[in-house]
């Protein structure tokens, strides 16, 4: 929700060894509880 709505990928350059764990963090950060109101935007 910090970046503009688009599709991104992790570049080969980078300092993270555990890219899978980073991707999990991304997915957990994309959660929205929308049962009672419409989300303001898509992740």
ModelCIF file with pLDDT and N, C-alpha, C, O atoms, coordinates in Angstrom:
data_MODEL
#
_entry.id   MODEL 
#
_entity.id                         1 
_entity.type                       polymer 
_entity.pdbx_number_of_molecules   1 
#
_entity_poly.entity_id                      1 
_entity_poly.type                           'polypeptide(L)' 
_entity_poly.nstd_linkage                   no 
_entity_poly.nstd_monomer                   no 
_entity_poly.pdbx_seq_one_letter_code       
;(UNK)(UNK)(UNK)(UNK)(UNK)(UNK)(UNK)(UNK)(UNK)(UNK)(UNK)(UNK)(UNK)(UNK)(UNK)(UNK)
(UNK)(UNK)(UNK)(UNK)(UNK)(UNK)(UNK)(UNK)(UNK)(UNK)(UNK)(UNK)(UNK)(UNK)(UNK)(UNK)
(UNK)(UNK)(UNK)(UNK)(UNK)(UNK)(UNK)(UNK)(UNK)(UNK)(UNK)
;
_entity_poly.pdbx_seq_one_letter_code_can   XXXXXXXXXXXXXXXXXXXXXXXXXXXXXXXXXXXXXXXXXXX 
_entity_poly.pdbx_strand_id                 A 
#
loop_
_entity_poly_seq.entity_id 
_entity_poly_seq.num 
_entity_poly_seq.mon_id 
_entity_poly_seq.hetero 
1 1  UNK n 
1 2  UNK n 
1 3  UNK n 
1 4  UNK n 
1 5  UNK n 
1 6  UNK n 
1 7  UNK n 
1 8  UNK n 
1 9  UNK n 
1 10 UNK n 
1 11 UNK n 
1 12 UNK n 
1 13 UNK n 
1 14 UNK n 
1 15 UNK n 
1 16 UNK n 
1 17 UNK n 
1 18 UNK n 
1 19 UNK n 
1 20 UNK n 
1 21 UNK n 
1 22 UNK n 
1 23 UNK n 
1 24 UNK n 
1 25 UNK n 
1 26 UNK n 
1 27 UNK n 
1 28 UNK n 
1 29 UNK n 
1 30 UNK n 
1 31 UNK n 
1 32 UNK n 
1 33 UNK n 
1 34 UNK n 
1 35 UNK n 
1 36 UNK n 
1 37 UNK n 
1 38 UNK n 
1 39 UNK n 
1 40 UNK n 
1 41 UNK n 
1 42 UNK n 
1 43 UNK n 
#
_struct_asym.id          A 
_struct_asym.entity_id   1 
#
loop_
_ma_qa_metric.id 
_ma_qa_metric.mode 
_ma_qa_metric.name 
_ma_qa_metric.software_group_id 
_ma_qa_metric.type 
1 global pLDDT . pLDDT 
2 local  pLDDT . pLDDT 
#
_ma_qa_metric_global.metric_id      1 
_ma_qa_metric_global.metric_value   95.02 
_ma_qa_metric_global.model_id       1 
_ma_qa_metric_global.ordinal_id     1 
#
loop_
_ma_qa_metric_local.label_asym_id 
_ma_qa_metric_local.label_comp_id 
_ma_qa_metric_local.label_seq_id 
_ma_qa_metric_local.metric_id 
_ma_qa_metric_local.metric_value 
_ma_qa_metric_local.model_id 
_ma_qa_metric_local.ordinal_id 
A UNK 1  2 96.00 1 1  
A UNK 2  2 96.00 1 2  
A UNK 3  2 97.00 1 3  
A UNK 4  2 96.00 1 4  
A UNK 5  2 95.00 1 5  
A UNK 6  2 95.00 1 6  
A UNK 7  2 96.00 1 7  
A UNK 8  2 96.00 1 8  
A UNK 9  2 96.00 1 9  
A UNK 10 2 95.00 1 10 
A UNK 11 2 94.00 1 11 
A UNK 12 2 90.00 1 12 
A UNK 13 2 90.00 1 13 
A UNK 14 2 92.00 1 14 
A UNK 15 2 94.00 1 15 
A UNK 16 2 93.00 1 16 
A UNK 17 2 90.00 1 17 
A UNK 18 2 93.00 1 18 
A UNK 19 2 93.00 1 19 
A UNK 20 2 95.00 1 20 
A UNK 21 2 96.00 1 21 
A UNK 22 2 96.00 1 22 
A UNK 23 2 97.00 1 23 
A UNK 24 2 97.00 1 24 
A UNK 25 2 97.00 1 25 
A UNK 26 2 97.00 1 26 
A UNK 27 2 97.00 1 27 
A UNK 28 2 97.00 1 28 
A UNK 29 2 97.00 1 29 
A UNK 30 2 97.00 1 30 
A UNK 31 2 97.00 1 31 
A UNK 32 2 96.00 1 32 
A UNK 33 2 97.00 1 33 
A UNK 34 2 95.00 1 34 
A UNK 35 2 96.00 1 35 
A UNK 36 2 97.00 1 36 
A UNK 37 2 95.00 1 37 
A UNK 38 2 94.00 1 38 
A UNK 39 2 93.00 1 39 
A UNK 40 2 91.00 1 40 
A UNK 41 2 94.00 1 41 
A UNK 42 2 95.00 1 42 
A UNK 43 2 96.00 1 43 
#
loop_
_atom_site.group_PDB 
_atom_site.id 
_atom_site.type_symbol 
_atom_site.label_atom_id 
_atom_site.label_alt_id 
_atom_site.label_comp_id 
_atom_site.label_asym_id 
_atom_site.label_entity_id 
_atom_site.label_seq_id 
_atom_site.pdbx_PDB_ins_code 
_atom_site.Cartn_x 
_atom_site.Cartn_y 
_atom_site.Cartn_z 
_atom_site.occupancy 
_atom_site.B_iso_or_equiv 
_atom_site.pdbx_formal_charge 
_atom_site.auth_seq_id 
_atom_site.auth_comp_id 
_atom_site.auth_asym_id 
_atom_site.auth_atom_id 
_atom_site.pdbx_PDB_model_num 
ATOM 1   N N  . UNK A 1 1  ? 0.814   -1.210  0.000   1.00 96.00 ? 1  UNK A N  1 
ATOM 2   C CA . UNK A 1 1  ? 0.000   0.000   0.000   1.00 96.00 ? 1  UNK A CA 1 
ATOM 3   C C  . UNK A 1 1  ? 0.852   1.266   0.000   1.00 96.00 ? 1  UNK A C  1 
ATOM 4   O O  . UNK A 1 1  ? 0.322   2.375   -0.058  1.00 96.00 ? 1  UNK A O  1 
ATOM 5   N N  . UNK A 1 2  ? 2.173   1.099   0.065   1.00 96.00 ? 2  UNK A N  1 
ATOM 6   C CA . UNK A 1 2  ? 3.056   2.248   -0.021  1.00 96.00 ? 2  UNK A CA 1 
ATOM 7   C C  . UNK A 1 2  ? 3.413   2.594   -1.451  1.00 96.00 ? 2  UNK A C  1 
ATOM 8   O O  . UNK A 1 2  ? 3.625   3.762   -1.776  1.00 96.00 ? 2  UNK A O  1 
ATOM 9   N N  . UNK A 1 3  ? 3.482   1.584   -2.310  1.00 97.00 ? 3  UNK A N  1 
ATOM 10  C CA . UNK A 1 3  ? 3.835   1.799   -3.714  1.00 97.00 ? 3  UNK A CA 1 
ATOM 11  C C  . UNK A 1 3  ? 2.576   2.020   -4.562  1.00 97.00 ? 3  UNK A C  1 
ATOM 12  O O  . UNK A 1 3  ? 1.483   1.613   -4.169  1.00 97.00 ? 3  UNK A O  1 
ATOM 13  N N  . UNK A 1 4  ? 2.730   2.656   -5.705  1.00 96.00 ? 4  UNK A N  1 
ATOM 14  C CA . UNK A 1 4  ? 1.585   2.774   -6.619  1.00 96.00 ? 4  UNK A CA 1 
ATOM 15  C C  . UNK A 1 4  ? 1.080   1.402   -7.061  1.00 96.00 ? 4  UNK A C  1 
ATOM 16  O O  . UNK A 1 4  ? 1.841   0.435   -7.109  1.00 96.00 ? 4  UNK A O  1 
ATOM 17  N N  . UNK A 1 5  ? -0.196  1.331   -7.379  1.00 95.00 ? 5  UNK A N  1 
ATOM 18  C CA . UNK A 1 5  ? -0.765  0.070   -7.857  1.00 95.00 ? 5  UNK A CA 1 
ATOM 19  C C  . UNK A 1 5  ? -0.093  -0.314  -9.176  1.00 95.00 ? 5  UNK A C  1 
ATOM 20  O O  . UNK A 1 5  ? -0.231  0.379   -10.184 1.00 95.00 ? 5  UNK A O  1 
ATOM 21  N N  . UNK A 1 6  ? 0.624   -1.415  -9.148  1.00 95.00 ? 6  UNK A N  1 
ATOM 22  C CA . UNK A 1 6  ? 1.338   -1.922  -10.316 1.00 95.00 ? 6  UNK A CA 1 
ATOM 23  C C  . UNK A 1 6  ? 1.867   -3.298  -9.934  1.00 95.00 ? 6  UNK A C  1 
ATOM 24  O O  . UNK A 1 6  ? 1.641   -3.777  -8.823  1.00 95.00 ? 6  UNK A O  1 
ATOM 25  N N  . UNK A 1 7  ? 2.565   -3.918  -10.857 1.00 96.00 ? 7  UNK A N  1 
ATOM 26  C CA . UNK A 1 7  ? 3.210   -5.207  -10.591 1.00 96.00 ? 7  UNK A CA 1 
ATOM 27  C C  . UNK A 1 7  ? 4.712   -4.992  -10.489 1.00 96.00 ? 7  UNK A C  1 
ATOM 28  O O  . UNK A 1 7  ? 5.314   -4.308  -11.316 1.00 96.00 ? 7  UNK A O  1 
ATOM 29  N N  . UNK A 1 8  ? 5.306   -5.587  -9.463  1.00 96.00 ? 8  UNK A N  1 
ATOM 30  C CA . UNK A 1 8  ? 6.727   -5.425  -9.182  1.00 96.00 ? 8  UNK A CA 1 
ATOM 31  C C  . UNK A 1 8  ? 7.388   -6.801  -9.105  1.00 96.00 ? 8  UNK A C  1 
ATOM 32  O O  . UNK A 1 8  ? 6.714   -7.825  -8.992  1.00 96.00 ? 8  UNK A O  1 
ATOM 33  N N  . UNK A 1 9  ? 8.711   -6.802  -9.167  1.00 96.00 ? 9  UNK A N  1 
ATOM 34  C CA . UNK A 1 9  ? 9.461   -8.028  -8.909  1.00 96.00 ? 9  UNK A CA 1 
ATOM 35  C C  . UNK A 1 9  ? 10.747  -7.666  -8.189  1.00 96.00 ? 9  UNK A C  1 
ATOM 36  O O  . UNK A 1 9  ? 11.232  -6.539  -8.298  1.00 96.00 ? 9  UNK A O  1 
ATOM 37  N N  . UNK A 1 10 ? 11.294  -8.615  -7.459  1.00 95.00 ? 10 UNK A N  1 
ATOM 38  C CA . UNK A 1 10 ? 12.567  -8.396  -6.776  1.00 95.00 ? 10 UNK A CA 1 
ATOM 39  C C  . UNK A 1 10 ? 13.694  -8.525  -7.787  1.00 95.00 ? 10 UNK A C  1 
ATOM 40  O O  . UNK A 1 10 ? 13.813  -9.541  -8.472  1.00 95.00 ? 10 UNK A O  1 
ATOM 41  N N  . UNK A 1 11 ? 14.519  -7.489  -7.877  1.00 94.00 ? 11 UNK A N  1 
ATOM 42  C CA . UNK A 1 11 ? 15.660  -7.525  -8.788  1.00 94.00 ? 11 UNK A CA 1 
ATOM 43  C C  . UNK A 1 11 ? 16.689  -8.529  -8.294  1.00 94.00 ? 11 UNK A C  1 
ATOM 44  O O  . UNK A 1 11 ? 16.757  -8.831  -7.102  1.00 94.00 ? 11 UNK A O  1 
ATOM 45  N N  . UNK A 1 12 ? 17.484  -9.041  -9.217  1.00 90.00 ? 12 UNK A N  1 
ATOM 46  C CA . UNK A 1 12 ? 18.542  -9.970  -8.840  1.00 90.00 ? 12 UNK A CA 1 
ATOM 47  C C  . UNK A 1 12 ? 19.545  -9.297  -7.916  1.00 90.00 ? 12 UNK A C  1 
ATOM 48  O O  . UNK A 1 12 ? 20.079  -9.924  -7.002  1.00 90.00 ? 12 UNK A O  1 
ATOM 49  N N  . UNK A 1 13 ? 19.799  -8.002  -8.163  1.00 90.00 ? 13 UNK A N  1 
ATOM 50  C CA . UNK A 1 13 ? 20.639  -7.259  -7.232  1.00 90.00 ? 13 UNK A CA 1 
ATOM 51  C C  . UNK A 1 13 ? 19.833  -7.030  -5.956  1.00 90.00 ? 13 UNK A C  1 
ATOM 52  O O  . UNK A 1 13 ? 18.616  -6.859  -6.011  1.00 90.00 ? 13 UNK A O  1 
ATOM 53  N N  . UNK A 1 14 ? 20.480  -7.025  -4.861  1.00 92.00 ? 14 UNK A N  1 
ATOM 54  C CA . UNK A 1 14 ? 19.771  -6.808  -3.596  1.00 92.00 ? 14 UNK A CA 1 
ATOM 55  C C  . UNK A 1 14 ? 20.493  -7.480  -2.461  1.00 92.00 ? 14 UNK A C  1 
ATOM 56  O O  . UNK A 1 14 ? 21.347  -8.340  -2.675  1.00 92.00 ? 14 UNK A O  1 
ATOM 57  N N  . UNK A 1 15 ? 20.148  -7.085  -1.243  1.00 94.00 ? 15 UNK A N  1 
ATOM 58  C CA . UNK A 1 15 ? 20.885  -7.555  -0.064  1.00 94.00 ? 15 UNK A CA 1 
ATOM 59  C C  . UNK A 1 15 ? 20.135  -8.634  0.715   1.00 94.00 ? 15 UNK A C  1 
ATOM 60  O O  . UNK A 1 15 ? 20.659  -9.154  1.700   1.00 94.00 ? 15 UNK A O  1 
ATOM 61  N N  . UNK A 1 16 ? 18.924  -8.976  0.293   1.00 93.00 ? 16 UNK A N  1 
ATOM 62  C CA . UNK A 1 16 ? 18.161  -9.981  1.023   1.00 93.00 ? 16 UNK A CA 1 
ATOM 63  C C  . UNK A 1 16 ? 18.515  -11.378 0.534   1.00 93.00 ? 16 UNK A C  1 
ATOM 64  O O  . UNK A 1 16 ? 18.426  -11.669 -0.658  1.00 93.00 ? 16 UNK A O  1 
ATOM 65  N N  . UNK A 1 17 ? 18.916  -12.235 1.457   1.00 90.00 ? 17 UNK A N  1 
ATOM 66  C CA . UNK A 1 17 ? 19.184  -13.629 1.096   1.00 90.00 ? 17 UNK A CA 1 
ATOM 67  C C  . UNK A 1 17 ? 17.894  -14.438 1.020   1.00 90.00 ? 17 UNK A C  1 
ATOM 68  O O  . UNK A 1 17 ? 17.749  -15.296 0.150   1.00 90.00 ? 17 UNK A O  1 
ATOM 69  N N  . UNK A 1 18 ? 16.961  -14.168 1.926   1.00 93.00 ? 18 UNK A N  1 
ATOM 70  C CA . UNK A 1 18 ? 15.720  -14.943 1.996   1.00 93.00 ? 18 UNK A CA 1 
ATOM 71  C C  . UNK A 1 18 ? 14.617  -14.196 1.264   1.00 93.00 ? 18 UNK A C  1 
ATOM 72  O O  . UNK A 1 18 ? 13.812  -13.499 1.881   1.00 93.00 ? 18 UNK A O  1 
ATOM 73  N N  . UNK A 1 19 ? 14.584  -14.344 -0.035  1.00 93.00 ? 19 UNK A N  1 
ATOM 74  C CA . UNK A 1 19 ? 13.598  -13.645 -0.856  1.00 93.00 ? 19 UNK A CA 1 
ATOM 75  C C  . UNK A 1 19 ? 12.194  -14.202 -0.627  1.00 93.00 ? 19 UNK A C  1 
ATOM 76  O O  . UNK A 1 19 ? 11.212  -13.466 -0.722  1.00 93.00 ? 19 UNK A O  1 
ATOM 77  N N  . UNK A 1 20 ? 12.095  -15.486 -0.329  1.00 95.00 ? 20 UNK A N  1 
ATOM 78  C CA . UNK A 1 20 ? 10.789  -16.090 -0.085  1.00 95.00 ? 20 UNK A CA 1 
ATOM 79  C C  . UNK A 1 20 ? 10.142  -15.493 1.163   1.00 95.00 ? 20 UNK A C  1 
ATOM 80  O O  . UNK A 1 20 ? 8.946   -15.200 1.170   1.00 95.00 ? 20 UNK A O  1 
ATOM 81  N N  . UNK A 1 21 ? 10.935  -15.317 2.214   1.00 96.00 ? 21 UNK A N  1 
ATOM 82  C CA . UNK A 1 21 ? 10.402  -14.716 3.434   1.00 96.00 ? 21 UNK A CA 1 
ATOM 83  C C  . UNK A 1 21 ? 9.984   -13.268 3.181   1.00 96.00 ? 21 UNK A C  1 
ATOM 84  O O  . UNK A 1 21 ? 8.993   -12.799 3.741   1.00 96.00 ? 21 UNK A O  1 
ATOM 85  N N  . UNK A 1 22 ? 10.730  -12.569 2.348   1.00 96.00 ? 22 UNK A N  1 
ATOM 86  C CA . UNK A 1 22 ? 10.363  -11.196 1.998   1.00 96.00 ? 22 UNK A CA 1 
ATOM 87  C C  . UNK A 1 22 ? 9.046   -11.170 1.231   1.00 96.00 ? 22 UNK A C  1 
ATOM 88  O O  . UNK A 1 22 ? 8.213   -10.292 1.454   1.00 96.00 ? 22 UNK A O  1 
ATOM 89  N N  . UNK A 1 23 ? 8.856   -12.130 0.328   1.00 97.00 ? 23 UNK A N  1 
ATOM 90  C CA . UNK A 1 23 ? 7.602   -12.209 -0.416  1.00 97.00 ? 23 UNK A CA 1 
ATOM 91  C C  . UNK A 1 23 ? 6.431   -12.523 0.522   1.00 97.00 ? 23 UNK A C  1 
ATOM 92  O O  . UNK A 1 23 ? 5.327   -12.011 0.336   1.00 97.00 ? 23 UNK A O  1 
ATOM 93  N N  . UNK A 1 24 ? 6.677   -13.361 1.522   1.00 97.00 ? 24 UNK A N  1 
ATOM 94  C CA . UNK A 1 24 ? 5.634   -13.638 2.514   1.00 97.00 ? 24 UNK A CA 1 
ATOM 95  C C  . UNK A 1 24 ? 5.258   -12.362 3.250   1.00 97.00 ? 24 UNK A C  1 
ATOM 96  O O  . UNK A 1 24 ? 4.075   -12.099 3.468   1.00 97.00 ? 24 UNK A O  1 
ATOM 97  N N  . UNK A 1 25 ? 6.254   -11.564 3.637   1.00 97.00 ? 25 UNK A N  1 
ATOM 98  C CA . UNK A 1 25 ? 5.973   -10.302 4.305   1.00 97.00 ? 25 UNK A CA 1 
ATOM 99  C C  . UNK A 1 25 ? 5.146   -9.375  3.442   1.00 97.00 ? 25 UNK A C  1 
ATOM 100 O O  . UNK A 1 25 ? 4.252   -8.687  3.934   1.00 97.00 ? 25 UNK A O  1 
ATOM 101 N N  . UNK A 1 26 ? 5.447   -9.357  2.141   1.00 97.00 ? 26 UNK A N  1 
ATOM 102 C CA . UNK A 1 26 ? 4.649   -8.551  1.203   1.00 97.00 ? 26 UNK A CA 1 
ATOM 103 C C  . UNK A 1 26 ? 3.180   -9.003  1.241   1.00 97.00 ? 26 UNK A C  1 
ATOM 104 O O  . UNK A 1 26 ? 2.273   -8.180  1.358   1.00 97.00 ? 26 UNK A O  1 
ATOM 105 N N  . UNK A 1 27 ? 2.965   -10.306 1.142   1.00 97.00 ? 27 UNK A N  1 
ATOM 106 C CA . UNK A 1 27 ? 1.598   -10.826 1.110   1.00 97.00 ? 27 UNK A CA 1 
ATOM 107 C C  . UNK A 1 27 ? 0.858   -10.544 2.413   1.00 97.00 ? 27 UNK A C  1 
ATOM 108 O O  . UNK A 1 27 ? -0.327  -10.212 2.393   1.00 97.00 ? 27 UNK A O  1 
ATOM 109 N N  . UNK A 1 28 ? 1.552   -10.674 3.551   1.00 97.00 ? 28 UNK A N  1 
ATOM 110 C CA . UNK A 1 28 ? 0.906   -10.387 4.826   1.00 97.00 ? 28 UNK A CA 1 
ATOM 111 C C  . UNK A 1 28 ? 0.565   -8.902  4.944   1.00 97.00 ? 28 UNK A C  1 
ATOM 112 O O  . UNK A 1 28 ? -0.434  -8.531  5.560   1.00 97.00 ? 28 UNK A O  1 
ATOM 113 N N  . UNK A 1 29 ? 1.404   -8.062  4.350   1.00 97.00 ? 29 UNK A N  1 
ATOM 114 C CA . UNK A 1 29 ? 1.142   -6.631  4.379   1.00 97.00 ? 29 UNK A CA 1 
ATOM 115 C C  . UNK A 1 29 ? 0.027   -6.204  3.447   1.00 97.00 ? 29 UNK A C  1 
ATOM 116 O O  . UNK A 1 29 ? -0.473  -5.084  3.556   1.00 97.00 ? 29 UNK A O  1 
ATOM 117 N N  . UNK A 1 30 ? -0.374  -7.078  2.529   1.00 97.00 ? 30 UNK A N  1 
ATOM 118 C CA . UNK A 1 30 ? -1.437  -6.751  1.569   1.00 97.00 ? 30 UNK A CA 1 
ATOM 119 C C  . UNK A 1 30 ? -2.829  -7.087  2.097   1.00 97.00 ? 30 UNK A C  1 
ATOM 120 O O  . UNK A 1 30 ? -3.824  -6.832  1.419   1.00 97.00 ? 30 UNK A O  1 
ATOM 121 N N  . UNK A 1 31 ? -2.909  -7.656  3.298   1.00 97.00 ? 31 UNK A N  1 
ATOM 122 C CA . UNK A 1 31 ? -4.204  -8.068  3.851   1.00 97.00 ? 31 UNK A CA 1 
ATOM 123 C C  . UNK A 1 31 ? -5.111  -6.870  4.100   1.00 97.00 ? 31 UNK A C  1 
ATOM 124 O O  . UNK A 1 31 ? -4.667  -5.821  4.567   1.00 97.00 ? 31 UNK A O  1 
ATOM 125 N N  . UNK A 1 32 ? -6.385  -7.046  3.780   1.00 96.00 ? 32 UNK A N  1 
ATOM 126 C CA . UNK A 1 32 ? -7.419  -6.075  4.138   1.00 96.00 ? 32 UNK A CA 1 
ATOM 127 C C  . UNK A 1 32 ? -8.669  -6.827  4.588   1.00 96.00 ? 32 UNK A C  1 
ATOM 128 O O  . UNK A 1 32 ? -9.060  -7.822  3.978   1.00 96.00 ? 32 UNK A O  1 
ATOM 129 N N  . UNK A 1 33 ? -9.285  -6.343  5.654   1.00 97.00 ? 33 UNK A N  1 
ATOM 130 C CA . UNK A 1 33 ? -10.560 -6.920  6.110   1.00 97.00 ? 33 UNK A CA 1 
ATOM 131 C C  . UNK A 1 33 ? -11.680 -6.070  5.521   1.00 97.00 ? 33 UNK A C  1 
ATOM 132 O O  . UNK A 1 33 ? -11.918 -4.944  5.955   1.00 97.00 ? 33 UNK A O  1 
ATOM 133 N N  . UNK A 1 34 ? -12.359 -6.626  4.532   1.00 95.00 ? 34 UNK A N  1 
ATOM 134 C CA . UNK A 1 34 ? -13.305 -5.819  3.752   1.00 95.00 ? 34 UNK A CA 1 
ATOM 135 C C  . UNK A 1 34 ? -14.755 -6.284  3.892   1.00 95.00 ? 34 UNK A C  1 
ATOM 136 O O  . UNK A 1 34 ? -15.577 -6.005  3.020   1.00 95.00 ? 34 UNK A O  1 
ATOM 137 N N  . UNK A 1 35 ? -15.073 -6.983  4.970   1.00 96.00 ? 35 UNK A N  1 
ATOM 138 C CA . UNK A 1 35 ? -16.437 -7.496  5.120   1.00 96.00 ? 35 UNK A CA 1 
ATOM 139 C C  . UNK A 1 35 ? -17.455 -6.368  5.287   1.00 96.00 ? 35 UNK A C  1 
ATOM 140 O O  . UNK A 1 35 ? -18.600 -6.498  4.852   1.00 96.00 ? 35 UNK A O  1 
ATOM 141 N N  . UNK A 1 36 ? -17.052 -5.281  5.903   1.00 97.00 ? 36 UNK A N  1 
ATOM 142 C CA . UNK A 1 36 ? -18.021 -4.234  6.252   1.00 97.00 ? 36 UNK A CA 1 
ATOM 143 C C  . UNK A 1 36 ? -17.780 -2.906  5.535   1.00 97.00 ? 36 UNK A C  1 
ATOM 144 O O  . UNK A 1 36 ? -18.570 -1.975  5.690   1.00 97.00 ? 36 UNK A O  1 
ATOM 145 N N  . UNK A 1 37 ? -16.714 -2.801  4.760   1.00 95.00 ? 37 UNK A N  1 
ATOM 146 C CA . UNK A 1 37 ? -16.490 -1.577  3.995   1.00 95.00 ? 37 UNK A CA 1 
ATOM 147 C C  . UNK A 1 37 ? -15.612 -1.886  2.784   1.00 95.00 ? 37 UNK A C  1 
ATOM 148 O O  . UNK A 1 37 ? -14.829 -2.836  2.786   1.00 95.00 ? 37 UNK A O  1 
ATOM 149 N N  . UNK A 1 38 ? -15.762 -1.071  1.768   1.00 94.00 ? 38 UNK A N  1 
ATOM 150 C CA . UNK A 1 38 ? -14.989 -1.245  0.549   1.00 94.00 ? 38 UNK A CA 1 
ATOM 151 C C  . UNK A 1 38 ? -13.549 -0.778  0.766   1.00 94.00 ? 38 UNK A C  1 
ATOM 152 O O  . UNK A 1 38 ? -13.333 0.271   1.372   1.00 94.00 ? 38 UNK A O  1 
ATOM 153 N N  . UNK A 1 39 ? -12.566 -1.530  0.287   1.00 93.00 ? 39 UNK A N  1 
ATOM 154 C CA . UNK A 1 39 ? -11.182 -1.072  0.399   1.00 93.00 ? 39 UNK A CA 1 
ATOM 155 C C  . UNK A 1 39 ? -10.974 0.218   -0.380  1.00 93.00 ? 39 UNK A C  1 
ATOM 156 O O  . UNK A 1 39 ? -11.612 0.445   -1.408  1.00 93.00 ? 39 UNK A O  1 
ATOM 157 N N  . UNK A 1 40 ? -10.078 1.056   0.115   1.00 91.00 ? 40 UNK A N  1 
ATOM 158 C CA . UNK A 1 40 ? -9.792  2.311   -0.565  1.00 91.00 ? 40 UNK A CA 1 
ATOM 159 C C  . UNK A 1 40 ? -9.019  2.080   -1.857  1.00 91.00 ? 40 UNK A C  1 
ATOM 160 O O  . UNK A 1 40 ? -9.131  2.864   -2.799  1.00 91.00 ? 40 UNK A O  1 
ATOM 161 N N  . UNK A 1 41 ? -8.238  1.007   -1.904  1.00 94.00 ? 41 UNK A N  1 
ATOM 162 C CA . UNK A 1 41 ? -7.471  0.688   -3.096  1.00 94.00 ? 41 UNK A CA 1 
ATOM 163 C C  . UNK A 1 41 ? -7.048  -0.760  -3.022  1.00 94.00 ? 41 UNK A C  1 
ATOM 164 O O  . UNK A 1 41 ? -7.100  -1.382  -1.961  1.00 94.00 ? 41 UNK A O  1 
ATOM 165 N N  . UNK A 1 42 ? -6.630  -1.295  -4.155  1.00 95.00 ? 42 UNK A N  1 
ATOM 166 C CA . UNK A 1 42 ? -6.075  -2.644  -4.200  1.00 95.00 ? 42 UNK A CA 1 
ATOM 167 C C  . UNK A 1 42 ? -4.588  -2.575  -3.884  1.00 95.00 ? 42 UNK A C  1 
ATOM 168 O O  . UNK A 1 42 ? -3.949  -1.560  -4.158  1.00 95.00 ? 42 UNK A O  1 
ATOM 169 N N  . UNK A 1 43 ? -4.031  -3.629  -3.316  1.00 96.00 ? 43 UNK A N  1 
ATOM 170 C CA . UNK A 1 43 ? -2.592  -3.614  -3.042  1.00 96.00 ? 43 UNK A CA 1 
ATOM 171 C C  . UNK A 1 43 ? -1.779  -3.763  -4.329  1.00 96.00 ? 43 UNK A C  1 
ATOM 172 O O  . UNK A 1 43 ? -0.549  -3.771  -4.284  1.00 96.00 ? 43 UNK A O  1 
#
